[in-house]
N, C-alpha and C. Protein backbone atom coordinates (compact mmCIF):
# COMPACT_ATOMS: atom_id res chain seq x y z
N MET A 1 0.82 -1.19 0.00
CA MET A 1 0.00 0.00 0.00
C MET A 1 0.87 1.26 0.00
N LEU A 2 1.89 1.26 0.85
CA LEU A 2 2.77 2.41 0.94
C LEU A 2 3.57 2.60 -0.35
N LYS A 3 3.94 1.50 -0.98
CA LYS A 3 4.68 1.57 -2.23
C LYS A 3 3.81 2.18 -3.34
N LYS A 4 2.52 1.78 -3.40
CA LYS A 4 1.60 2.33 -4.39
C LYS A 4 1.39 3.83 -4.16
N LEU A 5 1.30 4.23 -2.93
CA LEU A 5 1.13 5.64 -2.60
C LEU A 5 2.36 6.45 -3.00
N GLY A 6 3.51 5.87 -2.84
CA GLY A 6 4.76 6.53 -3.25
C GLY A 6 4.81 6.73 -4.75
N TRP A 7 4.43 5.69 -5.51
CA TRP A 7 4.43 5.82 -6.98
C TRP A 7 3.37 6.82 -7.44
N LEU A 8 2.24 6.84 -6.77
CA LEU A 8 1.20 7.81 -7.11
C LEU A 8 1.68 9.23 -6.86
N SER A 9 2.41 9.44 -5.78
CA SER A 9 2.97 10.76 -5.48
C SER A 9 3.97 11.19 -6.55
N VAL A 10 4.83 10.28 -6.96
CA VAL A 10 5.81 10.58 -8.01
C VAL A 10 5.10 10.92 -9.31
N LEU A 11 4.08 10.16 -9.66
CA LEU A 11 3.31 10.41 -10.87
C LEU A 11 2.64 11.78 -10.83
N CYS A 12 2.06 12.13 -9.71
CA CYS A 12 1.40 13.44 -9.57
C CYS A 12 2.41 14.58 -9.69
N ILE A 13 3.57 14.43 -9.10
CA ILE A 13 4.59 15.47 -9.17
C ILE A 13 5.07 15.64 -10.61
N CYS A 14 5.27 14.54 -11.32
CA CYS A 14 5.70 14.62 -12.73
C CYS A 14 4.62 15.27 -13.60
N ALA A 15 3.37 14.90 -13.39
CA ALA A 15 2.28 15.47 -14.17
C ALA A 15 2.15 16.96 -13.90
N GLN A 16 2.34 17.36 -12.66
CA GLN A 16 2.25 18.77 -12.31
C GLN A 16 3.39 19.56 -12.97
N ALA A 17 4.57 18.99 -13.01
CA ALA A 17 5.71 19.66 -13.65
C ALA A 17 5.48 19.80 -15.15
N LEU A 18 4.94 18.78 -15.78
CA LEU A 18 4.65 18.85 -17.21
C LEU A 18 3.56 19.88 -17.51
N ALA A 19 2.55 19.93 -16.68
CA ALA A 19 1.47 20.90 -16.88
C ALA A 19 1.98 22.32 -16.71
N ARG A 20 2.88 22.53 -15.80
CA ARG A 20 3.43 23.87 -15.56
C ARG A 20 4.28 24.32 -16.75
N ASP A 21 5.03 23.39 -17.35
CA ASP A 21 5.89 23.72 -18.48
C ASP A 21 5.10 23.94 -19.77
N ALA A 22 3.91 23.40 -19.87
CA ALA A 22 3.12 23.49 -21.10
C ALA A 22 2.14 24.66 -21.07
N SER A 23 2.45 25.70 -20.36
CA SER A 23 1.53 26.83 -20.28
C SER A 23 1.46 27.54 -21.63
N PRO A 24 0.25 27.89 -22.07
CA PRO A 24 0.10 28.53 -23.39
C PRO A 24 0.59 29.97 -23.36
N SER A 25 1.03 30.43 -24.50
CA SER A 25 1.41 31.83 -24.60
C SER A 25 0.20 32.61 -25.10
N TRP A 26 -0.13 33.69 -24.44
CA TRP A 26 -1.30 34.48 -24.76
C TRP A 26 -0.91 35.66 -25.63
N VAL A 27 -1.78 35.99 -26.58
CA VAL A 27 -1.57 37.10 -27.49
C VAL A 27 -2.71 38.09 -27.29
N GLU A 28 -2.36 39.37 -27.20
CA GLU A 28 -3.36 40.42 -27.07
C GLU A 28 -3.40 41.20 -28.37
N VAL A 29 -4.61 41.34 -28.94
CA VAL A 29 -4.82 42.07 -30.18
C VAL A 29 -5.88 43.13 -29.89
N ARG A 30 -5.63 44.37 -30.34
CA ARG A 30 -6.54 45.48 -30.05
C ARG A 30 -7.01 46.18 -31.31
N SER A 31 -8.22 46.70 -31.22
CA SER A 31 -8.74 47.60 -32.24
C SER A 31 -9.25 48.83 -31.51
N ALA A 32 -9.92 49.70 -32.23
CA ALA A 32 -10.43 50.92 -31.61
C ALA A 32 -11.51 50.62 -30.56
N HIS A 33 -12.23 49.50 -30.73
CA HIS A 33 -13.37 49.22 -29.85
C HIS A 33 -13.26 47.93 -29.05
N PHE A 34 -12.35 47.05 -29.40
CA PHE A 34 -12.28 45.74 -28.76
C PHE A 34 -10.84 45.36 -28.44
N THR A 35 -10.72 44.50 -27.43
CA THR A 35 -9.44 43.87 -27.09
C THR A 35 -9.69 42.37 -27.03
N VAL A 36 -8.89 41.62 -27.75
CA VAL A 36 -9.02 40.16 -27.78
C VAL A 36 -7.76 39.55 -27.18
N LEU A 37 -7.95 38.65 -26.22
CA LEU A 37 -6.87 37.85 -25.66
C LEU A 37 -7.08 36.42 -26.11
N THR A 38 -6.08 35.83 -26.73
CA THR A 38 -6.23 34.48 -27.25
C THR A 38 -4.95 33.68 -27.04
N ASP A 39 -5.11 32.38 -26.92
CA ASP A 39 -3.94 31.51 -26.84
C ASP A 39 -3.68 30.88 -28.21
N SER A 40 -4.36 31.39 -29.22
CA SER A 40 -4.14 30.97 -30.60
C SER A 40 -3.10 31.90 -31.23
N SER A 41 -3.02 31.89 -32.54
CA SER A 41 -2.04 32.74 -33.22
C SER A 41 -2.54 34.18 -33.32
N GLU A 42 -1.62 35.08 -33.60
CA GLU A 42 -2.00 36.49 -33.77
C GLU A 42 -2.91 36.64 -34.98
N LYS A 43 -2.67 35.87 -36.02
CA LYS A 43 -3.51 35.93 -37.22
C LYS A 43 -4.95 35.57 -36.88
N ARG A 44 -5.14 34.52 -36.11
CA ARG A 44 -6.50 34.11 -35.71
C ARG A 44 -7.14 35.16 -34.81
N GLY A 45 -6.37 35.78 -33.96
CA GLY A 45 -6.89 36.85 -33.11
C GLY A 45 -7.35 38.04 -33.94
N ARG A 46 -6.61 38.39 -34.98
CA ARG A 46 -7.00 39.50 -35.86
C ARG A 46 -8.25 39.15 -36.66
N GLN A 47 -8.39 37.90 -37.06
CA GLN A 47 -9.61 37.48 -37.76
C GLN A 47 -10.83 37.62 -36.84
N LEU A 48 -10.68 37.21 -35.62
CA LEU A 48 -11.76 37.33 -34.65
C LEU A 48 -12.09 38.80 -34.38
N LEU A 49 -11.07 39.60 -34.25
CA LEU A 49 -11.25 41.04 -34.04
C LEU A 49 -11.99 41.67 -35.21
N ASP A 50 -11.65 41.25 -36.42
CA ASP A 50 -12.34 41.75 -37.61
C ASP A 50 -13.82 41.38 -37.58
N GLN A 51 -14.14 40.18 -37.14
CA GLN A 51 -15.54 39.76 -37.04
C GLN A 51 -16.29 40.60 -36.00
N PHE A 52 -15.65 40.89 -34.87
CA PHE A 52 -16.26 41.75 -33.86
C PHE A 52 -16.54 43.14 -34.43
N GLU A 53 -15.58 43.69 -35.14
CA GLU A 53 -15.76 45.02 -35.72
C GLU A 53 -16.87 45.03 -36.77
N ARG A 54 -16.98 43.97 -37.55
CA ARG A 54 -18.06 43.88 -38.55
C ARG A 54 -19.42 43.82 -37.87
N MET A 55 -19.52 43.02 -36.80
CA MET A 55 -20.79 42.95 -36.08
C MET A 55 -21.13 44.28 -35.43
N ARG A 56 -20.14 44.97 -34.94
CA ARG A 56 -20.37 46.29 -34.37
C ARG A 56 -20.90 47.24 -35.44
N TRP A 57 -20.33 47.17 -36.64
CA TRP A 57 -20.78 48.01 -37.74
C TRP A 57 -22.23 47.69 -38.12
N VAL A 58 -22.58 46.39 -38.13
CA VAL A 58 -23.96 45.99 -38.45
C VAL A 58 -24.93 46.58 -37.43
N PHE A 59 -24.64 46.42 -36.16
CA PHE A 59 -25.54 46.95 -35.13
C PHE A 59 -25.60 48.47 -35.17
N GLN A 60 -24.50 49.11 -35.43
CA GLN A 60 -24.48 50.56 -35.51
C GLN A 60 -25.30 51.05 -36.72
N THR A 61 -25.28 50.29 -37.80
CA THR A 61 -26.04 50.65 -38.99
C THR A 61 -27.53 50.41 -38.77
N LEU A 62 -27.87 49.29 -38.15
CA LEU A 62 -29.28 48.96 -37.92
C LEU A 62 -29.93 49.81 -36.84
N PHE A 63 -29.18 50.18 -35.83
CA PHE A 63 -29.70 50.95 -34.70
C PHE A 63 -28.86 52.21 -34.48
N PRO A 64 -28.93 53.18 -35.39
CA PRO A 64 -28.04 54.33 -35.29
C PRO A 64 -28.30 55.26 -34.09
N SER A 65 -29.53 55.28 -33.58
CA SER A 65 -29.83 56.21 -32.49
C SER A 65 -29.52 55.64 -31.12
N SER A 66 -29.20 54.36 -31.02
CA SER A 66 -28.95 53.74 -29.71
C SER A 66 -27.58 54.02 -29.19
């Protein structure tokens, strides 16, 4: 029982070390109206930002007085 607990402890410590080393790098992309934080590429963040800006333009066009 004690031997199994020891191996489980070693396994948990190794898994924790691997998880700590595999932390994603975050990218921040900004426009005039939005800020996007993503763990994807900068290109994907800019695509998402472009979609947000387009939706903002649609709502601003449909509801100009709001």
